[in-house]
C-alpha atoms as a PDB file:
ATOM      1  CA  MET A   1       0.000   0.000   0.000  1.00  0.00           C
ATOM      2  CA  GLN A   2       2.841   2.407   0.788  1.00  0.00           C
ATOM      3  CA  LEU A   3       4.412   1.843  -2.632  1.00  0.00           C
ATOM      4  CA  LEU A   4       1.023   2.278  -4.314  1.00  0.00           C
ATOM      5  CA  GLN A   5       0.429   5.547  -2.440  1.00  0.00           C
ATOM      6  CA  PHE A   6       3.888   6.744  -3.497  1.00  0.00           C
ATOM      7  CA  ILE A   7       3.211   5.987  -7.184  1.00  0.00           C
ATOM      8  CA  LEU A   8      -0.261   7.546  -7.115  1.00  0.00           C
ATOM      9  CA  GLY A   9       1.086  10.627  -5.315  1.00  0.00           C
ATOM     10  CA  LEU A  10       3.795  11.230  -7.930  1.00  0.00           C
ATOM     11  CA  ALA A  11       1.270  10.614 -10.699  1.00  0.00           C
ATOM     12  CA  ALA A  12      -1.044  13.212  -9.155  1.00  0.00           C
ATOM     13  CA  LEU A  13       1.740  15.833  -9.076  1.00  0.00           C
ATOM     14  CA  ILE A  14       2.552  15.295 -12.752  1.00  0.00           C
ATOM     15  CA  PHE A  15      -1.162  15.285 -13.586  1.00  0.00           C
ATOM     16  CA  ILE A  16      -1.637  18.641 -11.820  1.00  0.00           C
ATOM     17  CA  HIS A  17       1.302  20.068 -13.781  1.00  0.00           C
ATOM     18  CA  GLU A  18      -0.202  19.031 -17.103  1.00  0.00           C
ATOM     19  CA  LEU A  19      -3.639  20.193 -15.998  1.00  0.00           C
ATOM     20  CA  GLY A  20      -2.176  23.676 -15.556  1.00  0.00           C
ATOM     21  CA  HIS A  21      -0.961  23.697 -19.175  1.00  0.00           C
ATOM     22  CA  PHE A  22      -4.323  22.315 -20.342  1.00  0.00           C
ATOM     23  CA  LEU A  23      -6.487  24.868 -18.523  1.00  0.00           C
ATOM     24  CA  ALA A  24      -4.318  27.794 -19.635  1.00  0.00           C
ATOM     25  CA  ALA A  25      -4.447  26.617 -23.248  1.00  0.00           C
ATOM     26  CA  ARG A  26      -8.237  26.258 -23.187  1.00  0.00           C
ATOM     27  CA  LEU A  27      -8.699  29.676 -21.552  1.00  0.00           C
ATOM     28  CA  LEU A  28      -6.458  31.309 -24.161  1.00  0.00           C
ATOM     29  CA  ASN A  29      -8.134  29.569 -27.113  1.00  0.00           C
ATOM     30  CA  VAL A  30      -5.184  27.364 -28.062  1.00  0.00           C
ATOM     31  CA  ASP A  31      -6.482  24.045 -29.357  1.00  0.00           C
ATOM     32  CA  VAL A  32      -5.652  20.923 -27.346  1.00  0.00           C
ATOM     33  CA  GLU A  33      -5.614  17.757 -29.432  1.00  0.00           C
ATOM     34  CA  GLU A  34      -5.293  15.280 -26.554  1.00  0.00           C
ATOM     35  CA  PHE A  35      -5.314  15.265 -22.773  1.00  0.00           C
ATOM     36  CA  GLY A  36      -3.955  11.956 -21.595  1.00  0.00           C
ATOM     37  CA  ILE A  37      -4.187  10.361 -18.159  1.00  0.00           C
ATOM     38  CA  GLY A  38      -0.987   8.360 -17.752  1.00  0.00           C
ATOM     39  CA  PHE A  39       1.735   8.087 -20.385  1.00  0.00           C
ATOM     40  CA  PRO A  40       1.517   6.246 -23.753  1.00  0.00           C
ATOM     41  CA  PRO A  41       1.022   3.685 -25.090  1.00  0.00           C
ATOM     42  CA  ARG A  42      -2.673   4.470 -25.135  1.00  0.00           C
ATOM     43  CA  ALA A  43      -4.981   1.993 -23.435  1.00  0.00           C
ATOM     44  CA  VAL A  44      -8.343   3.418 -24.417  1.00  0.00           C
ATOM     45  CA  LYS A  45     -10.001   6.533 -25.807  1.00  0.00           C
ATOM     46  CA  LEU A  46     -12.350   7.797 -23.099  1.00  0.00           C
ATOM     47  CA  PHE A  47     -14.328  10.482 -24.936  1.00  0.00           C
ATOM     48  CA  GLU A  48     -13.960  13.596 -27.085  1.00  0.00           C
ATOM     49  CA  PHE A  49     -15.143  17.046 -26.004  1.00  0.00           C
ATOM     50  CA  LYS A  50     -14.744  20.397 -27.781  1.00  0.00           C
ATOM     51  CA  GLY A  51     -12.128  18.989 -30.132  1.00  0.00           C
ATOM     52  CA  THR A  52      -9.994  17.397 -27.391  1.00  0.00           C
ATOM     53  CA  LEU A  53      -9.530  13.648 -27.095  1.00  0.00           C
ATOM     54  CA  TYR A  54      -9.388  12.406 -23.509  1.00  0.00           C
ATOM     55  CA  SER A  55      -7.455   9.156 -23.221  1.00  0.00           C
ATOM     56  CA  LEU A  56      -6.328   6.617 -20.646  1.00  0.00           C
ATOM     57  CA  ASN A  57      -2.772   5.345 -21.080  1.00  0.00           C
ATOM     58  CA  TRP A  58      -0.868   2.342 -19.788  1.00  0.00           C
ATOM     59  CA  ILE A  59       1.965   3.975 -17.808  1.00  0.00           C
ATOM     60  CA  PRO A  60       0.282   5.302 -14.635  1.00  0.00           C
ATOM     61  CA  LEU A  61       2.541   8.298 -13.993  1.00  0.00           C
ATOM     62  CA  GLY A  62       0.711  11.586 -14.354  1.00  0.00           C
ATOM     63  CA  GLY A  63      -0.425  12.634 -17.792  1.00  0.00           C
ATOM     64  CA  PHE A  64       0.351  14.741 -20.834  1.00  0.00           C
ATOM     65  CA  VAL A  65      -1.113  17.509 -22.976  1.00  0.00           C
ATOM     66  CA  ARG A  66      -0.711  17.436 -26.763  1.00  0.00           C
ATOM     67  CA  LEU A  67      -1.267  20.951 -28.061  1.00  0.00           C
ATOM     68  CA  LYS A  68      -2.221  21.582 -31.651  1.00  0.00           C
ATOM     69  CA  GLY A  69       0.728  22.818 -33.741  1.00  0.00           C
ATOM     70  CA  GLU A  70       3.038  22.630 -30.751  1.00  0.00           C
ATOM     71  CA  ASN A  71       6.188  22.982 -32.859  1.00  0.00           C
ATOM     72  CA  ASP A  72       4.775  24.380 -36.097  1.00  0.00           C
ATOM     73  CA  PRO A  73       3.961  28.134 -36.239  1.00  0.00           C
ATOM     74  CA  ASN A  74       2.144  27.604 -39.547  1.00  0.00           C
ATOM     75  CA  VAL A  75      -0.751  25.743 -37.902  1.00  0.00           C
ATOM     76  CA  PRO A  76      -3.598  28.183 -37.158  1.00  0.00           C
ATOM     77  CA  GLY A  77      -5.072  27.976 -33.662  1.00  0.00           C
ATOM     78  CA  GLY A  78      -2.012  26.085 -32.453  1.00  0.00           C
ATOM     79  CA  PHE A  79       0.509  26.710 -29.718  1.00  0.00           C
ATOM     80  CA  ALA A  80       3.486  27.756 -31.846  1.00  0.00           C
ATOM     81  CA  SER A  81       1.378  30.203 -33.892  1.00  0.00           C
ATOM     82  CA  ALA A  82       0.025  31.963 -30.780  1.00  0.00           C
ATOM     83  CA  ASN A  83       1.501  35.293 -29.676  1.00  0.00           C
ATOM     84  CA  PRO A  84       4.491  35.058 -27.298  1.00  0.00           C
ATOM     85  CA  TRP A  85       2.548  36.252 -24.236  1.00  0.00           C
ATOM     86  CA  THR A  86       0.003  33.467 -24.745  1.00  0.00           C
ATOM     87  CA  ARG A  87       2.769  30.883 -25.069  1.00  0.00           C
ATOM     88  CA  LEU A  88       4.525  32.191 -21.940  1.00  0.00           C
ATOM     89  CA  THR A  89       1.291  32.016 -19.937  1.00  0.00           C
ATOM     90  CA  ILE A  90       0.704  28.412 -20.991  1.00  0.00           C
ATOM     91  CA  LEU A  91       4.327  27.470 -20.220  1.00  0.00           C
ATOM     92  CA  PHE A  92       4.231  29.116 -16.775  1.00  0.00           C
ATOM     93  CA  ALA A  93       0.869  27.520 -15.901  1.00  0.00           C
ATOM     94  CA  GLY A  94       2.220  24.008 -15.262  1.00  0.00           C
ATOM     95  CA  PRO A  95       4.988  24.957 -12.788  1.00  0.00           C
ATOM     96  CA  THR A  96       2.655  27.498 -11.168  1.00  0.00           C
ATOM     97  CA  MET A  97       0.076  24.780 -10.469  1.00  0.00           C
ATOM     98  CA  ASN A  98       2.773  22.667  -8.795  1.00  0.00           C
ATOM     99  CA  ILE A  99       3.929  25.559  -6.614  1.00  0.00           C
ATOM    100  CA  ILE A 100       0.338  26.398  -5.620  1.00  0.00           C
ATOM    101  CA  LEU A 101      -0.328  22.738  -4.806  1.00  0.00           C
ATOM    102  CA  GLY A 102       2.858  22.626  -2.727  1.00  0.00           C
ATOM    103  CA  LEU A 103       1.680  25.644  -0.741  1.00  0.00           C
ATOM    104  CA  VAL A 104      -1.742  24.066  -0.148  1.00  0.00           C
ATOM    105  CA  LEU A 105      -0.120  20.820   1.002  1.00  0.00           C
ATOM    106  CA  PHE A 106       2.155  22.718   3.403  1.00  0.00           C
ATOM    107  CA  PHE A 107      -0.834  24.627   4.792  1.00  0.00           C
ATOM    108  CA  SER A 108      -2.669  21.324   5.284  1.00  0.00           C
ATOM    109  CA  PHE A 109       0.337  19.660   6.882  1.00  0.00           C
ATOM    110  CA  PHE A 110       0.865  22.362   9.506  1.00  0.00           C
ATOM    111  CA  TYR A 111      -2.860  22.683  10.192  1.00  0.00           C
ATOM    112  CA  MET A 112      -3.277  18.917  10.685  1.00  0.00           C
ATOM    113  CA  THR A 113      -0.099  18.214  12.644  1.00  0.00           C
ATOM    114  CA  GLY A 114       0.315  21.510  14.479  1.00  0.00           C
ATOM    115  CA  ASP A 115       3.609  23.275  14.923  1.00  0.00           C
ATOM    116  CA  LYS A 116       6.713  22.609  16.958  1.00  0.00           C
ATOM    117  CA  ALA A 117       6.244  23.997  20.463  1.00  0.00           C
ATOM    118  CA  ALA A 118       8.989  26.282  21.767  1.00  0.00           C
ATOM    119  CA  ASN A 119      11.366  25.047  24.476  1.00  0.00           C
ATOM    120  CA  THR A 120      10.538  21.369  23.868  1.00  0.00           C
ATOM    121  CA  VAL A 121      13.543  20.040  21.922  1.00  0.00           C
ATOM    122  CA  PHE A 122      14.161  16.437  22.962  1.00  0.00           C
ATOM    123  CA  ILE A 123      16.132  13.364  21.887  1.00  0.00           C
ATOM    124  CA  ARG A 124      14.163  10.892  19.800  1.00  0.00           C
ATOM    125  CA  GLU A 125      17.053   8.569  18.896  1.00  0.00           C
ATOM    126  CA  ILE A 126      20.688   8.103  19.949  1.00  0.00           C
ATOM    127  CA  ALA A 127      23.391   6.463  17.822  1.00  0.00           C
ATOM    128  CA  GLU A 128      25.537   3.715  19.313  1.00  0.00           C
ATOM    129  CA  GLY A 129      28.947   4.952  20.436  1.00  0.00           C
ATOM    130  CA  SER A 130      28.045   8.599  19.873  1.00  0.00           C
ATOM    131  CA  PRO A 131      29.131  11.469  22.158  1.00  0.00           C
ATOM    132  CA  ALA A 132      25.542  11.720  23.418  1.00  0.00           C
ATOM    133  CA  GLN A 133      25.450   8.053  24.434  1.00  0.00           C
ATOM    134  CA  GLU A 134      28.888   8.192  26.048  1.00  0.00           C
ATOM    135  CA  ALA A 135      27.800  11.250  28.053  1.00  0.00           C
ATOM    136  CA  GLY A 136      24.835   9.310  29.447  1.00  0.00           C
ATOM    137  CA  LEU A 137      21.998  10.956  27.539  1.00  0.00           C
ATOM    138  CA  GLN A 138      18.839   8.942  26.888  1.00  0.00           C
ATOM    139  CA  LYS A 139      15.874   8.975  24.556  1.00  0.00           C
ATOM    140  CA  GLY A 140      13.278  11.443  25.766  1.00  0.00           C
ATOM    141  CA  ASP A 141      15.756  13.825  27.431  1.00  0.00           C
ATOM    142  CA  TYR A 142      14.923  17.503  26.866  1.00  0.00           C
ATOM    143  CA  PHE A 143      17.492  20.238  26.176  1.00  0.00           C
ATOM    144  CA  VAL A 144      17.151  23.166  28.577  1.00  0.00           C
ATOM    145  CA  THR A 145      20.323  25.149  27.878  1.00  0.00           C
ATOM    146  CA  VAL A 146      23.582  24.725  25.934  1.00  0.00           C
ATOM    147  CA  ASN A 147      26.544  26.773  27.180  1.00  0.00           C
ATOM    148  CA  GLY A 148      24.066  28.803  29.182  1.00  0.00           C
ATOM    149  CA  GLN A 149      21.821  29.685  26.228  1.00  0.00           C
ATOM    150  CA  PRO A 150      18.172  28.522  26.417  1.00  0.00           C
ATOM    151  CA  ILE A 151      17.143  26.098  23.681  1.00  0.00           C
ATOM    152  CA  ASP A 152      13.869  27.006  22.025  1.00  0.00           C
ATOM    153  CA  TYR A 153      14.068  25.297  18.601  1.00  0.00           C
ATOM    154  CA  TYR A 154      16.300  22.889  16.654  1.00  0.00           C
ATOM    155  CA  SER A 155      17.977  25.768  14.872  1.00  0.00           C
ATOM    156  CA  THR A 156      19.220  27.290  18.112  1.00  0.00           C
ATOM    157  CA  LEU A 157      20.754  24.021  19.267  1.00  0.00           C
ATOM    158  CA  LYS A 158      22.347  23.288  15.884  1.00  0.00           C
ATOM    159  CA  GLU A 159      23.826  26.762  15.635  1.00  0.00           C
ATOM    160  CA  ILE A 160      25.497  26.539  19.056  1.00  0.00           C
ATOM    161  CA  VAL A 161      26.792  23.003  18.500  1.00  0.00           C
ATOM    162  CA  ASP A 162      28.174  23.859  15.044  1.00  0.00           C
ATOM    163  CA  GLU A 163      30.136  26.739  16.576  1.00  0.00           C
ATOM    164  CA  HIS A 164      31.815  24.414  19.109  1.00  0.00           C
ATOM    165  CA  LEU A 165      32.717  21.288  17.142  1.00  0.00           C
ATOM    166  CA  GLY A 166      35.549  19.455  18.853  1.00  0.00           C
ATOM    167  CA  GLU A 167      35.099  21.536  22.011  1.00  0.00           C
ATOM    168  CA  PRO A 168      33.353  20.660  25.294  1.00  0.00           C
ATOM    169  CA  VAL A 169      29.821  22.039  25.523  1.00  0.00           C
ATOM    170  CA  GLU A 170      27.877  22.280  28.779  1.00  0.00           C
ATOM    171  CA  LEU A 171      24.304  21.011  28.617  1.00  0.00           C
ATOM    172  CA  ILE A 172      21.487  21.351  31.088  1.00  0.00           C
ATOM    173  CA  MET A 173      19.032  18.528  30.408  1.00  0.00           C
ATOM    174  CA  ARG A 174      15.610  17.606  31.772  1.00  0.00           C
ATOM    175  CA  ARG A 175      14.549  14.006  32.343  1.00  0.00           C
ATOM    176  CA  GLY A 176      11.064  13.779  33.802  1.00  0.00           C
ATOM    177  CA  ASP A 177      10.949  16.293  36.685  1.00  0.00           C
ATOM    178  CA  GLU A 178      14.716  16.294  37.162  1.00  0.00           C
ATOM    179  CA  THR A 179      17.270  18.657  35.587  1.00  0.00           C
ATOM    180  CA  PHE A 180      20.966  17.794  35.473  1.00  0.00           C
ATOM    181  CA  PRO A 181      24.219  19.033  33.838  1.00  0.00           C
ATOM    182  CA  ILE A 182      26.242  17.102  31.255  1.00  0.00           C
ATOM    183  CA  VAL A 183      29.391  17.914  29.263  1.00  0.00           C
ATOM    184  CA  LEU A 184      30.022  16.387  25.841  1.00  0.00           C
ATOM    185  CA  VAL A 185      32.267  17.088  22.839  1.00  0.00           C
ATOM    186  CA  PRO A 186      30.438  17.272  19.470  1.00  0.00           C
ATOM    187  CA  ARG A 187      32.385  15.571  16.700  1.00  0.00           C
ATOM    188  CA  LYS A 188      33.962  17.500  13.830  1.00  0.00           C
ATOM    189  CA  GLU A 189      33.685  14.543  11.451  1.00  0.00           C
ATOM    190  CA  PRO A 190      30.787  12.287  12.482  1.00  0.00           C
ATOM    191  CA  PRO A 191      30.154   8.969  10.716  1.00  0.00           C
ATOM    192  CA  GLN A 192      28.016   8.932   7.578  1.00  0.00           C
ATOM    193  CA  GLY A 193      24.376   9.512   8.432  1.00  0.00           C
ATOM    194  CA  GLN A 194      25.034  10.909  11.928  1.00  0.00           C
ATOM    195  CA  GLY A 195      25.288  14.393  13.350  1.00  0.00           C
ATOM    196  CA  ALA A 196      27.916  15.932  15.614  1.00  0.00           C
ATOM    197  CA  MET A 197      26.266  14.660  18.812  1.00  0.00           C
ATOM    198  CA  GLY A 198      24.803  11.488  17.306  1.00  0.00           C
ATOM    199  CA  VAL A 199      21.173  12.245  18.115  1.00  0.00           C
ATOM    200  CA  VAL A 200      17.888  12.584  16.251  1.00  0.00           C
ATOM    201  CA  LEU A 201      15.921  15.521  17.620  1.00  0.00           C
ATOM    202  CA  ASP A 202      12.216  16.168  17.901  1.00  0.00           C
ATOM    203  CA  SER A 203       9.855  18.628  19.559  1.00  0.00           C
ATOM    204  CA  ASP A 204       6.413  18.517  21.100  1.00  0.00           C
ATOM    205  CA  THR A 205       3.655  19.877  18.892  1.00  0.00           C
ATOM    206  CA  GLU A 206       0.813  22.289  19.539  1.00  0.00           C
ATOM    207  CA  ARG A 207      -2.386  23.019  17.629  1.00  0.00           C
ATOM    208  CA  ILE A 208      -2.397  26.146  15.470  1.00  0.00           C
ATOM    209  CA  GLY A 209      -5.046  28.096  13.578  1.00  0.00           C
ATOM    210  CA  LEU A 210      -5.516  28.254   9.809  1.00  0.00           C
ATOM    211  CA  PHE A 211      -3.853  31.665   9.463  1.00  0.00           C
ATOM    212  CA  THR A 212      -0.814  30.520  11.443  1.00  0.00           C
ATOM    213  CA  ALA A 213      -0.689  27.331   9.357  1.00  0.00           C
ATOM    214  CA  MET A 214      -0.600  29.470   6.216  1.00  0.00           C
ATOM    215  CA  GLN A 215       2.240  31.539   7.680  1.00  0.00           C
ATOM    216  CA  ARG A 216       4.184  28.378   8.539  1.00  0.00           C
ATOM    217  CA  GLY A 217       3.549  27.001   5.062  1.00  0.00           C
ATOM    218  CA  MET A 218       4.807  30.175   3.400  1.00  0.00           C
ATOM    219  CA  GLY A 219       7.859  30.091   5.656  1.00  0.00           C
ATOM    220  CA  ALA A 220       8.535  26.439   4.781  1.00  0.00           C
ATOM    221  CA  VAL A 221       8.348  27.168   1.047  1.00  0.00           C
ATOM    222  CA  SER A 222      10.548  30.248   1.392  1.00  0.00           C
ATOM    223  CA  GLY A 223      13.120  28.333   3.430  1.00  0.00           C
ATOM    224  CA  TYR A 224      13.168  25.423   0.983  1.00  0.00           C
ATOM    225  CA  VAL A 225      13.609  27.714  -2.036  1.00  0.00           C
ATOM    226  CA  GLN A 226      16.449  29.538  -0.267  1.00  0.00           C
ATOM    227  CA  THR A 227      18.100  26.205   0.522  1.00  0.00           C
ATOM    228  CA  LEU A 228      17.911  25.142  -3.141  1.00  0.00           C
ATOM    229  CA  ALA A 229      19.286  28.490  -4.274  1.00  0.00           C
ATOM    230  CA  TYR A 230      22.143  28.403  -1.739  1.00  0.00           C
ATOM    231  CA  ALA A 231      23.158  24.786  -2.422  1.00  0.00           C
ATOM    232  CA  PRO A 232      25.267  25.419  -5.573  1.00  0.00           C
ATOM    233  CA  VAL A 233      27.002  28.407  -3.956  1.00  0.00           C
ATOM    234  CA  GLY A 234      27.627  26.479  -0.754  1.00  0.00           C
ATOM    235  CA  MET A 235      29.143  23.547  -2.653  1.00  0.00           C
ATOM    236  CA  LEU A 236      31.454  25.850  -4.615  1.00  0.00           C
ATOM    237  CA  GLN A 237      32.563  27.472  -1.356  1.00  0.00           C
ATOM    238  CA  GLY A 238      33.106  24.066   0.277  1.00  0.00           C
ATOM    239  CA  ARG A 239      30.553  24.785   2.994  1.00  0.00           C
ATOM    240  CA  VAL A 240      28.047  22.194   1.778  1.00  0.00           C
ATOM    241  CA  ASP A 241      28.703  18.510   1.220  1.00  0.00           C
ATOM    242  CA  PRO A 242      27.657  17.681  -2.388  1.00  0.00           C
ATOM    243  CA  GLY A 243      26.270  14.381  -1.092  1.00  0.00           C
ATOM    244  CA  GLU A 244      23.599  16.283   0.818  1.00  0.00           C
ATOM    245  CA  PHE A 245      22.146  17.675  -2.417  1.00  0.00           C
ATOM    246  CA  ARG A 246      22.592  14.814  -4.843  1.00  0.00           C
ATOM    247  CA  LEU A 247      19.815  14.158  -7.323  1.00  0.00           C
ATOM    248  CA  VAL A 248      17.812  11.012  -6.659  1.00  0.00           C
ATOM    249  CA  GLY A 249      15.674   8.807  -8.859  1.00  0.00           C
ATOM    250  CA  TYR A 250      12.502   6.926  -8.082  1.00  0.00           C
ATOM    251  CA  ARG A 251      14.171   4.480  -5.676  1.00  0.00           C
ATOM    252  CA  GLY A 252      15.842   7.260  -3.724  1.00  0.00           C
ATOM    253  CA  MET A 253      12.605   9.226  -3.601  1.00  0.00           C
ATOM    254  CA  TYR A 254      10.761   6.186  -2.266  1.00  0.00           C
ATOM    255  CA  GLN A 255      13.368   5.733   0.465  1.00  0.00           C
ATOM    256  CA  ILE A 256      12.874   9.358   1.511  1.00  0.00           C
ATOM    257  CA  TYR A 257       9.084   8.977   1.281  1.00  0.00           C
ATOM    258  CA  GLN A 258       9.219   6.126   3.779  1.00  0.00           C
ATOM    259  CA  ARG A 259      10.849   8.434   6.344  1.00  0.00           C
ATOM    260  CA  PHE A 260       8.618  11.496   5.829  1.00  0.00           C
ATOM    261  CA  GLU A 261       5.031  12.425   6.525  1.00  0.00           C
ATOM    262  CA  ALA A 262       3.324  11.827   3.159  1.00  0.00           C
ATOM    263  CA  VAL A 263       1.742  15.296   2.905  1.00  0.00           C
ATOM    264  CA  TYR A 264       5.052  17.011   3.737  1.00  0.00           C
ATOM    265  CA  PHE A 265       6.958  14.830   1.263  1.00  0.00           C
ATOM    266  CA  PHE A 266       4.594  15.549  -1.627  1.00  0.00           C
ATOM    267  CA  ALA A 267       4.583  19.259  -0.755  1.00  0.00           C
ATOM    268  CA  ILE A 268       8.383  19.298  -1.125  1.00  0.00           C
ATOM    269  CA  VAL A 269       8.278  17.282  -4.361  1.00  0.00           C
ATOM    270  CA  SER A 270       5.539  19.500  -5.835  1.00  0.00           C
ATOM    271  CA  ILE A 271       7.520  22.670  -5.096  1.00  0.00           C
ATOM    272  CA  SER A 272      10.660  21.015  -6.515  1.00  0.00           C
ATOM    273  CA  LEU A 273       8.813  19.971  -9.666  1.00  0.00           C
ATOM    274  CA  GLY A 274       7.600  23.522 -10.192  1.00  0.00           C
ATOM    275  CA  ILE A 275      11.016  25.092  -9.637  1.00  0.00           C
ATOM    276  CA  MET A 276      12.971  22.518 -11.656  1.00  0.00           C
ATOM    277  CA  ASN A 277      10.646  22.961 -14.623  1.00  0.00           C
ATOM    278  CA  LEU A 278      11.352  26.696 -14.596  1.00  0.00           C
ATOM    279  CA  LEU A 279      15.099  26.185 -14.964  1.00  0.00           C
ATOM    280  CA  PRO A 280      16.345  27.422 -18.375  1.00  0.00           C
ATOM    281  CA  ILE A 281      17.072  23.930 -19.665  1.00  0.00           C
ATOM    282  CA  PRO A 282      16.012  22.941 -23.204  1.00  0.00           C
ATOM    283  CA  ALA A 283      12.960  20.652 -23.364  1.00  0.00           C
ATOM    284  CA  LEU A 284      11.731  21.891 -19.957  1.00  0.00           C
ATOM    285  CA  ASP A 285       9.188  24.696 -19.581  1.00  0.00           C
ATOM    286  CA  GLY A 286      11.981  27.030 -18.500  1.00  0.00           C
ATOM    287  CA  GLY A 287      13.955  26.306 -21.659  1.00  0.00           C
ATOM    288  CA  ARG A 288      10.925  27.051 -23.809  1.00  0.00           C
ATOM    289  CA  ILE A 289      10.306  30.246 -21.836  1.00  0.00           C
ATOM    290  CA  LEU A 290      13.913  31.332 -22.412  1.00  0.00           C
ATOM    291  CA  LEU A 291      13.629  30.779 -26.155  1.00  0.00           C
ATOM    292  CA  THR A 292      10.359  32.733 -26.270  1.00  0.00           C
ATOM    293  CA  LEU A 293      11.778  35.854 -24.594  1.00  0.00           C
ATOM    294  CA  PRO A 294      13.744  37.163 -27.645  1.00  0.00           C
ATOM    295  CA  GLU A 295      10.443  37.468 -29.478  1.00  0.00           C
ATOM    296  CA  ILE A 296       9.267  39.916 -26.796  1.00  0.00           C
ATOM    297  CA  ILE A 297      12.550  41.739 -26.187  1.00  0.00           C
ATOM    298  CA  ILE A 298      13.942  42.174 -29.708  1.00  0.00           C
ATOM    299  CA  ARG A 299      10.774  41.368 -31.696  1.00  0.00           C
ATOM    300  CA  ARG A 300      12.501  38.519 -33.501  1.00  0.00           C
ATOM    301  CA  ARG A 301      11.681  34.852 -33.219  1.00  0.00           C
ATOM    302  CA  ILE A 302      14.251  32.087 -33.068  1.00  0.00           C
ATOM    303  CA  PRO A 303      13.734  29.967 -36.212  1.00  0.00           C
ATOM    304  CA  THR A 304      11.490  27.024 -35.415  1.00  0.00           C
ATOM    305  CA  GLN A 305      13.872  24.447 -36.873  1.00  0.00           C
ATOM    306  CA  TYR A 306      16.678  25.632 -34.560  1.00  0.00           C
ATOM    307  CA  GLU A 307      14.376  25.703 -31.551  1.00  0.00           C
ATOM    308  CA  ASN A 308      13.183  22.148 -32.247  1.00  0.00           C
ATOM    309  CA  VAL A 309      16.776  20.885 -32.551  1.00  0.00           C
ATOM    310  CA  ILE A 310      17.711  22.581 -29.254  1.00  0.00           C
ATOM    311  CA  HIS A 311      14.772  20.946 -27.479  1.00  0.00           C
ATOM    312  CA  LEU A 312      15.526  17.564 -29.040  1.00  0.00           C
ATOM    313  CA  ILE A 313      19.138  17.690 -27.822  1.00  0.00           C
ATOM    314  CA  GLY A 314      17.966  18.883 -24.397  1.00  0.00           C
ATOM    315  CA  PHE A 315      15.413  16.077 -24.161  1.00  0.00           C
ATOM    316  CA  ALA A 316      18.021  13.456 -25.078  1.00  0.00           C
ATOM    317  CA  ALA A 317      20.437  14.862 -22.467  1.00  0.00           C
ATOM    318  CA  LEU A 318      17.704  14.859 -19.801  1.00  0.00           C
ATOM    319  CA  LEU A 319      16.812  11.267 -20.662  1.00  0.00           C
ATOM    320  CA  VAL A 320      20.454  10.182 -20.272  1.00  0.00           C
ATOM    321  CA  LEU A 321      20.689  12.084 -16.965  1.00  0.00           C
ATOM    322  CA  LEU A 322      17.479  10.474 -15.712  1.00  0.00           C
ATOM    323  CA  ILE A 323      18.784   6.990 -16.536  1.00  0.00           C
ATOM    324  CA  TYR A 324      22.123   7.769 -14.844  1.00  0.00           C
ATOM    325  CA  ILE A 325      20.432   9.100 -11.679  1.00  0.00           C
ATOM    326  CA  ASN A 326      18.182   6.048 -11.371  1.00  0.00           C
ATOM    327  CA  ILE A 327      21.139   3.683 -11.871  1.00  0.00           C
ATOM    328  CA  GLN A 328      23.032   5.574  -9.147  1.00  0.00           C
ATOM    329  CA  ASP A 329      20.156   4.896  -6.758  1.00  0.00           C
ATOM    330  CA  PHE A 330      21.033   1.193  -6.985  1.00  0.00           C
ATOM    331  CA  ILE A 331      24.832   1.166  -7.252  1.00  0.00           C
ATOM    332  CA  ASN A 332      25.318   4.058  -4.809  1.00  0.00           C
ATOM    333  CA  PRO A 333      22.190   4.142  -2.626  1.00  0.00           C
ATOM    334  CA  ILE A 334      21.457   7.212  -0.542  1.00  0.00           C
ATOM    335  CA  GLU A 335      22.120   6.970   3.193  1.00  0.00           C
ATOM    336  CA  LEU A 336      19.508   8.662   5.338  1.00  0.00           C
ATOM    337  CA  PRO A 337      20.339   9.838   8.869  1.00  0.00           C
END
């Protein structure tokens, strides 16, 4: 059932993306020849409505939209013959739907699960032989202060620990009704999949209102986008381990899915799908957007034959990359903390 939910969830995200393109095209009077549920080969023709064939296909991963005259500007009423603003709107619609869905999922997640309560950071798991275990810490112990500074959220604890790697830190912990001091030395180079102290942290949760849930959701999206934007810079500066931001295929995604709340996981994937599709890479929406901009800026269109070749090369490169990433998931599996 978990694998089935994973497959259906990914299919829904792709379907929503294509639905965005479809709705924008219909609203802007660009003819849609086929709206397919799943990927070809076609299993059955469902029905035809207003010139669009609705089909069911054998590969149950999302769907596709086949626009009339998608690559031929000589076809009247088609995509390529539409004005550049119409084409840009249709191209932006798919990623926008994914980003909106991601926001809605984040809102739902925080509203259903509540938010992390302040001053309730505790140990959920301890690694064998870690500094935390050697210092005598146990599951369920709460952090009160570190080096005299009160601990309200994970970020506070992580920031203090990261500033004192390899140095003794003084902890005040709470176990039940008792508080006690402990000194431990966070590791500079912890084993793969472990942190400096060798603990997995958690916090108590508290119910929040809809407005607060929306604020938390917006904050989660903003933080995630900033993390994605910082990752390449951080890797170039040597501050970020490239392994932390490696691309993963379906197997890697399923491994992560098994460790996450489903709603949170699909919110992250939906936002990622929207952002990745906006990257200026040929064959993706972002690549098509980039090649449409000269028509607006300098009033000249890139010749269709050149544009088609660029997208064909980009699609082939993406296909090779996708195969490589999925092979890596098996020969070099990801290691989750």
